[in-house]
Amino acid sequence: MSCPSPFHRPVMIAQCLEYLAPREGGLYLDCTIGGGGHAEALLVRTGVTARLIGLDLDDQALLEAGVRLAPFGERVTLIAANFARAGEVLARLGVGAVDGLLADLGVSSWQFDQRERGFTFAPDVSLDMRMNQSGQLTAAEILNRWRLDELQALFQRGEVPRSGRLAGAIVAQRRVAPFRTSTDLLRLLDGLGLANRRTFHPATLVFQALRLATNREQENLTLLLSQLPALLKPGGRCVFLSYHSLEDRPVKQALREREADGSMHILTHRVVRPSEDEVRSNPRARSAKLRAAERPASL
């Protein structure tokens, strides 16, 4: 296996492979290829006959993954697409279903570290937050154009404290000057005193809510989950990595619903977390949660 990519350090590789249980000759779908770390580990594990389809919205991620996975040649197919359209992509490729599906949700380390992408709340960063740079909606557009009730609903969905007060302050502030950079928003949040005795930066939930809305992450995750178990062959497995409750909760609920109707069997009745050693070596793994399920072989 090659050296880790600077693009992103893949999280919980050993656990992902344990629950995916990839095999020679299998076909696998990586819904968020990122830098290709999970995909590379899977392809190495499965000898020379397994194939992988990798999706991503970020063109830079696809370029990085293409370089990293080049040694696997035609075993890898990379496609610029939203995982919400996973079924359409498979149909276009003439594939009915796959033996395993991996979805590493959220933003990659590399995306967070690129100031121009606007995912971080470091000072003077553009309020962009688009995973797909060809998308039209930015976080600045949301702050400057959305109605008061839309902003309040956005922050309520994002579990931001005092969402009504925050939405009202944003509307009042943009009448004076539009929001352009993280500093504009950080200054407003500081004035509102939204720290609320939290153990993390008070801007975390606000920026997260804006990112989720900019990329329609919750809606797209719901669409992906609605396609289970049809995306999987009988006996096929899915693994989801999430990093906060707004990602983990819908995954947990969807898998429970599928188990209740008999179309899926949950493999992780207790959420799987990274080891202490991994968190020490990669602090960004500390919030990761893994859930996995299998389509019964009889279906």
Protein backbone atom coordinates (compact mmCIF):
# COMPACT_ATOMS: atom_id res chain seq x y z
CA MET A 1 0.00 0.00 0.00
CA SER A 2 1.28 3.49 -0.80
CA CYS A 3 2.15 6.15 1.74
CA PRO A 4 -0.78 8.07 3.25
CA SER A 5 -2.04 10.86 1.01
CA PRO A 6 -1.76 14.42 2.25
CA PHE A 7 -5.29 14.90 0.94
CA HIS A 8 -6.98 13.05 3.78
CA ARG A 9 -6.17 10.47 6.44
CA PRO A 10 -8.82 7.75 6.15
CA VAL A 11 -10.53 6.91 9.41
CA MET A 12 -11.06 3.45 10.91
CA ILE A 13 -9.72 1.51 7.91
CA ALA A 14 -9.43 -1.78 9.80
CA GLN A 15 -12.99 -1.56 11.12
CA CYS A 16 -14.37 -0.58 7.70
CA LEU A 17 -12.76 -3.62 6.11
CA GLU A 18 -13.90 -5.87 8.95
CA TYR A 19 -17.56 -4.97 8.43
CA LEU A 20 -17.45 -4.72 4.64
CA ALA A 21 -15.73 -8.12 4.49
CA PRO A 22 -14.55 -7.53 0.89
CA ARG A 23 -13.66 -10.54 -1.23
CA GLU A 24 -12.01 -11.36 -4.53
CA GLY A 25 -14.32 -10.86 -7.46
CA GLY A 26 -16.59 -8.49 -5.56
CA LEU A 27 -17.89 -5.11 -6.72
CA TYR A 28 -17.80 -2.22 -4.25
CA LEU A 29 -19.15 1.33 -4.19
CA ASP A 30 -17.26 4.05 -2.35
CA CYS A 31 -19.82 6.85 -2.14
CA THR A 32 -17.26 9.46 -1.05
CA ILE A 33 -13.93 8.49 -2.58
CA GLY A 34 -12.04 11.46 -1.13
CA GLY A 35 -8.31 10.85 -1.43
CA GLY A 36 -8.89 7.14 -2.08
CA GLY A 37 -7.52 5.82 1.21
CA HIS A 38 -10.37 3.46 2.07
CA ALA A 39 -10.64 2.38 -1.57
CA GLU A 40 -6.94 1.56 -1.78
CA ALA A 41 -7.09 -0.56 1.37
CA LEU A 42 -10.11 -2.45 0.04
CA LEU A 43 -8.51 -3.14 -3.34
CA VAL A 44 -5.29 -4.35 -1.73
CA ARG A 45 -7.30 -6.67 0.53
CA THR A 46 -9.23 -8.24 -2.36
CA GLY A 47 -6.43 -9.54 -4.56
CA VAL A 48 -6.61 -8.75 -8.27
CA THR A 49 -10.21 -9.32 -9.31
CA ALA A 50 -12.38 -7.06 -7.12
CA ARG A 51 -13.61 -3.83 -8.69
CA LEU A 52 -14.53 -0.50 -7.20
CA ILE A 53 -16.74 2.42 -8.25
CA GLY A 54 -15.86 5.69 -6.56
CA LEU A 55 -18.09 8.77 -6.40
CA ASP A 56 -17.31 12.28 -5.26
CA LEU A 57 -18.58 15.82 -5.77
CA ASP A 58 -15.13 17.37 -5.41
CA ASP A 59 -13.11 17.41 -8.63
CA GLN A 60 -9.87 17.75 -6.67
CA ALA A 61 -10.74 14.64 -4.67
CA LEU A 62 -11.32 12.68 -7.87
CA LEU A 63 -7.96 13.82 -9.23
CA GLU A 64 -6.21 12.79 -6.03
CA ALA A 65 -7.99 9.44 -5.93
CA GLY A 66 -7.15 8.87 -9.60
CA VAL A 67 -3.44 9.25 -8.89
CA ARG A 68 -3.53 7.09 -5.79
CA LEU A 69 -5.58 4.32 -7.38
CA ALA A 70 -3.85 4.38 -10.80
CA PRO A 71 -1.93 1.15 -10.05
CA PHE A 72 -5.24 -0.74 -9.94
CA GLY A 73 -6.03 0.21 -13.54
CA GLU A 74 -9.39 -0.82 -14.91
CA ARG A 75 -10.47 -2.24 -11.57
CA VAL A 76 -11.39 1.35 -10.59
CA THR A 77 -14.10 3.57 -12.06
CA LEU A 78 -14.25 7.15 -10.75
CA ILE A 79 -17.31 9.30 -11.38
CA ALA A 80 -18.17 12.89 -10.47
CA ALA A 81 -21.57 12.41 -8.86
CA ASN A 82 -23.56 12.94 -5.71
CA PHE A 83 -24.14 9.75 -3.74
CA ALA A 84 -27.83 10.66 -3.64
CA ARG A 85 -27.84 9.44 -7.26
CA ALA A 86 -26.01 6.20 -6.53
CA GLY A 87 -28.75 4.06 -8.04
CA GLU A 88 -28.76 6.10 -11.25
CA VAL A 89 -24.98 5.84 -11.52
CA LEU A 90 -25.02 2.08 -11.12
CA ALA A 91 -27.81 1.74 -13.68
CA ARG A 92 -25.86 3.89 -16.15
CA LEU A 93 -22.89 1.55 -15.70
CA GLY A 94 -25.07 -1.47 -16.28
CA VAL A 95 -24.73 -2.57 -12.65
CA GLY A 96 -27.72 -3.86 -10.75
CA ALA A 97 -26.24 -3.82 -7.25
CA VAL A 98 -22.91 -4.09 -5.43
CA ASP A 99 -21.37 -6.41 -2.86
CA GLY A 100 -20.49 -3.59 -0.52
CA LEU A 101 -21.06 0.13 -0.02
CA LEU A 102 -18.97 2.59 2.01
CA ALA A 103 -20.06 6.15 2.81
CA ASP A 104 -17.56 8.29 4.71
CA LEU A 105 -19.74 11.30 5.43
CA GLY A 106 -18.78 14.90 6.08
CA VAL A 107 -15.79 16.97 5.00
CA SER A 108 -12.28 15.67 4.41
CA SER A 109 -9.27 16.95 6.33
CA TRP A 110 -7.90 18.42 3.11
CA GLN A 111 -11.09 20.38 2.46
CA PHE A 112 -11.00 21.81 5.98
CA ASP A 113 -7.38 22.85 5.52
CA GLN A 114 -7.96 24.71 2.23
CA ARG A 115 -8.81 28.22 3.40
CA GLU A 116 -10.30 29.22 0.06
CA ARG A 117 -12.94 26.50 0.39
CA GLY A 118 -14.38 28.25 3.44
CA PHE A 119 -15.09 25.21 5.63
CA THR A 120 -13.04 26.53 8.53
CA PHE A 121 -13.90 29.44 10.82
CA ALA A 122 -10.38 30.80 10.75
CA PRO A 123 -10.39 34.60 10.31
CA ASP A 124 -10.90 36.22 6.89
CA VAL A 125 -11.94 33.05 5.05
CA SER A 126 -14.43 33.30 2.21
CA LEU A 127 -17.90 32.05 3.16
CA ASP A 128 -18.00 29.45 0.39
CA MET A 129 -18.39 25.90 1.83
CA ARG A 130 -19.21 24.22 -1.49
CA MET A 131 -18.02 20.65 -1.89
CA ASN A 132 -18.78 20.94 -5.60
CA GLN A 133 -17.14 24.13 -6.85
CA SER A 134 -19.52 24.29 -9.81
CA GLY A 135 -22.49 24.62 -7.45
CA GLN A 136 -24.12 28.03 -7.31
CA LEU A 137 -25.20 28.21 -3.67
CA THR A 138 -22.60 29.38 -1.15
CA ALA A 139 -22.80 30.01 2.58
CA ALA A 140 -22.54 33.75 1.88
CA GLU A 141 -25.55 33.49 -0.43
CA ILE A 142 -27.55 31.83 2.35
CA LEU A 143 -26.62 34.48 4.90
CA ASN A 144 -27.31 37.38 2.54
CA ARG A 145 -30.41 36.16 0.70
CA TRP A 146 -32.45 33.69 2.73
CA ARG A 147 -35.54 34.93 4.54
CA LEU A 148 -35.70 35.20 8.32
CA ASP A 149 -37.88 32.10 8.67
CA GLU A 150 -35.59 30.09 6.36
CA LEU A 151 -32.53 31.03 8.39
CA GLN A 152 -34.26 30.17 11.64
CA ALA A 153 -35.34 26.77 10.30
CA LEU A 154 -31.79 26.11 9.05
CA PHE A 155 -30.27 26.79 12.48
CA GLN A 156 -32.99 24.83 14.27
CA ARG A 157 -32.23 21.78 12.08
CA GLY A 158 -28.58 22.31 12.91
CA GLU A 159 -29.38 22.32 16.65
CA VAL A 160 -27.89 25.80 17.05
CA PRO A 161 -28.92 27.41 20.38
CA ARG A 162 -31.14 30.51 20.18
CA SER A 163 -31.64 30.05 16.47
CA GLY A 164 -34.35 32.70 16.26
CA ARG A 165 -32.17 35.35 17.83
CA LEU A 166 -29.28 34.43 15.55
CA ALA A 167 -31.43 34.55 12.41
CA GLY A 168 -32.78 37.97 13.38
CA ALA A 169 -29.27 39.31 14.04
CA ILE A 170 -28.09 38.07 10.62
CA VAL A 171 -30.98 39.80 8.83
CA ALA A 172 -30.31 43.03 10.74
CA GLN A 173 -26.57 42.92 10.06
CA ARG A 174 -26.85 42.31 6.32
CA ARG A 175 -28.91 45.47 5.97
CA VAL A 176 -25.78 47.32 7.09
CA ALA A 177 -23.23 45.28 5.12
CA PRO A 178 -23.30 41.87 3.41
CA PHE A 179 -21.56 38.84 4.85
CA ARG A 180 -18.44 38.08 2.82
CA THR A 181 -15.90 36.37 5.08
CA SER A 182 -15.76 34.26 8.21
CA THR A 183 -14.69 37.35 10.16
CA ASP A 184 -18.01 39.04 9.38
CA LEU A 185 -19.92 36.11 10.84
CA LEU A 186 -17.53 35.49 13.73
CA ARG A 187 -17.84 39.11 14.81
CA LEU A 188 -21.63 38.77 14.89
CA LEU A 189 -21.51 35.50 16.87
CA ASP A 190 -19.10 37.00 19.37
CA GLY A 191 -21.44 39.94 19.90
CA LEU A 192 -24.36 37.59 20.52
CA GLY A 193 -22.43 35.59 23.12
CA LEU A 194 -23.37 32.19 21.71
CA ALA A 195 -20.64 30.29 23.56
CA ASN A 196 -23.28 28.92 25.96
CA ARG A 197 -20.59 27.31 28.13
CA ARG A 198 -19.86 24.77 25.41
CA THR A 199 -16.64 22.78 25.33
CA PHE A 200 -16.03 23.59 21.65
CA HIS A 201 -15.83 26.80 19.63
CA PRO A 202 -19.26 28.54 19.64
CA ALA A 203 -19.10 28.92 15.86
CA THR A 204 -18.88 25.16 15.28
CA LEU A 205 -22.61 24.46 15.07
CA VAL A 206 -23.33 27.62 13.08
CA PHE A 207 -20.70 26.88 10.44
CA GLN A 208 -21.74 23.23 10.36
CA ALA A 209 -25.38 24.17 9.78
CA LEU A 210 -24.38 26.48 6.92
CA ARG A 211 -22.22 23.78 5.35
CA LEU A 212 -25.01 21.22 5.57
CA ALA A 213 -27.43 23.60 3.89
CA THR A 214 -24.97 24.74 1.21
CA ASN A 215 -24.41 21.14 0.10
CA ARG A 216 -27.84 19.74 0.96
CA GLU A 217 -26.02 17.08 2.93
CA GLN A 218 -28.95 15.91 5.05
CA GLU A 219 -31.30 15.69 2.07
CA ASN A 220 -28.72 13.79 0.03
CA LEU A 221 -28.02 11.37 2.88
CA THR A 222 -31.75 10.70 3.19
CA LEU A 223 -31.89 9.91 -0.53
CA LEU A 224 -28.94 7.53 -0.28
CA LEU A 225 -30.44 5.73 2.71
CA SER A 226 -33.79 5.42 0.91
CA GLN A 227 -32.07 3.32 -1.77
CA LEU A 228 -31.13 0.60 0.71
CA PRO A 229 -31.21 -2.35 0.35
CA ALA A 230 -31.70 -2.09 -3.44
CA LEU A 231 -28.10 -0.91 -3.93
CA LEU A 232 -26.82 -4.15 -2.38
CA LYS A 233 -26.77 -7.69 -3.68
CA PRO A 234 -28.16 -10.36 -1.35
CA GLY A 235 -25.50 -10.75 1.33
CA GLY A 236 -24.07 -7.33 0.48
CA ARG A 237 -22.95 -4.99 3.26
CA CYS A 238 -22.98 -1.25 3.85
CA VAL A 239 -20.75 0.78 6.17
CA PHE A 240 -21.38 4.38 7.19
CA LEU A 241 -18.87 6.67 8.89
CA SER A 242 -20.38 9.76 10.49
CA TYR A 243 -18.90 12.58 12.56
CA HIS A 244 -21.81 14.30 14.30
CA SER A 245 -25.35 13.49 15.39
CA LEU A 246 -26.99 15.07 12.34
CA GLU A 247 -25.25 12.44 10.20
CA ASP A 248 -25.33 9.52 12.62
CA ARG A 249 -28.97 9.82 13.69
CA PRO A 250 -30.56 9.33 10.25
CA VAL A 251 -28.20 6.43 9.52
CA LYS A 252 -29.14 4.73 12.80
CA GLN A 253 -32.86 5.30 12.22
CA ALA A 254 -32.79 4.10 8.61
CA LEU A 255 -30.92 0.90 9.47
CA ARG A 256 -33.33 0.20 12.33
CA GLU A 257 -36.30 0.66 10.00
CA ARG A 258 -34.77 -1.67 7.43
CA GLU A 259 -34.09 -4.28 10.12
CA ALA A 260 -37.66 -3.99 11.36
CA ASP A 261 -39.06 -4.73 7.90
CA GLY A 262 -36.58 -7.58 7.39
CA SER A 263 -34.74 -6.04 4.45
CA MET A 264 -31.48 -5.46 6.36
CA HIS A 265 -29.66 -6.96 9.32
CA ILE A 266 -27.72 -4.58 11.56
CA LEU A 267 -24.15 -5.70 12.26
CA THR A 268 -23.33 -2.96 14.77
CA HIS A 269 -26.00 -2.78 17.44
CA ARG A 270 -23.55 -0.64 19.36
CA VAL A 271 -21.84 2.13 17.44
CA VAL A 272 -18.17 1.40 16.69
CA ARG A 273 -15.65 4.09 17.64
CA PRO A 274 -11.97 4.57 16.71
CA SER A 275 -9.32 3.16 19.00
CA GLU A 276 -7.46 5.37 21.46
CA ASP A 277 -4.28 4.83 19.43
CA GLU A 278 -5.95 6.10 16.25
CA VAL A 279 -7.33 9.18 17.98
CA ARG A 280 -3.90 9.97 19.37
CA SER A 281 -2.30 9.71 15.93
CA ASN A 282 -5.21 11.38 14.10
CA PRO A 283 -7.22 13.69 16.42
CA ARG A 284 -9.78 14.34 13.68
CA ALA A 285 -10.93 10.73 14.05
CA ARG A 286 -12.13 11.30 17.61
CA SER A 287 -15.77 12.00 16.66
CA ALA A 288 -16.09 9.19 14.11
CA LYS A 289 -18.88 6.64 14.46
CA LEU A 290 -19.26 3.52 12.35
CA ARG A 291 -22.49 1.68 11.66
CA ALA A 292 -22.88 -1.33 9.37
CA ALA A 293 -25.63 -3.56 8.08
CA GLU A 294 -26.08 -6.48 5.70
CA ARG A 295 -28.78 -7.37 3.21
CA PRO A 296 -29.96 -10.89 4.05
CA ALA A 297 -28.71 -13.49 1.61
CA SER A 298 -32.26 -14.79 1.15
CA LEU A 299 -33.56 -11.51 -0.29
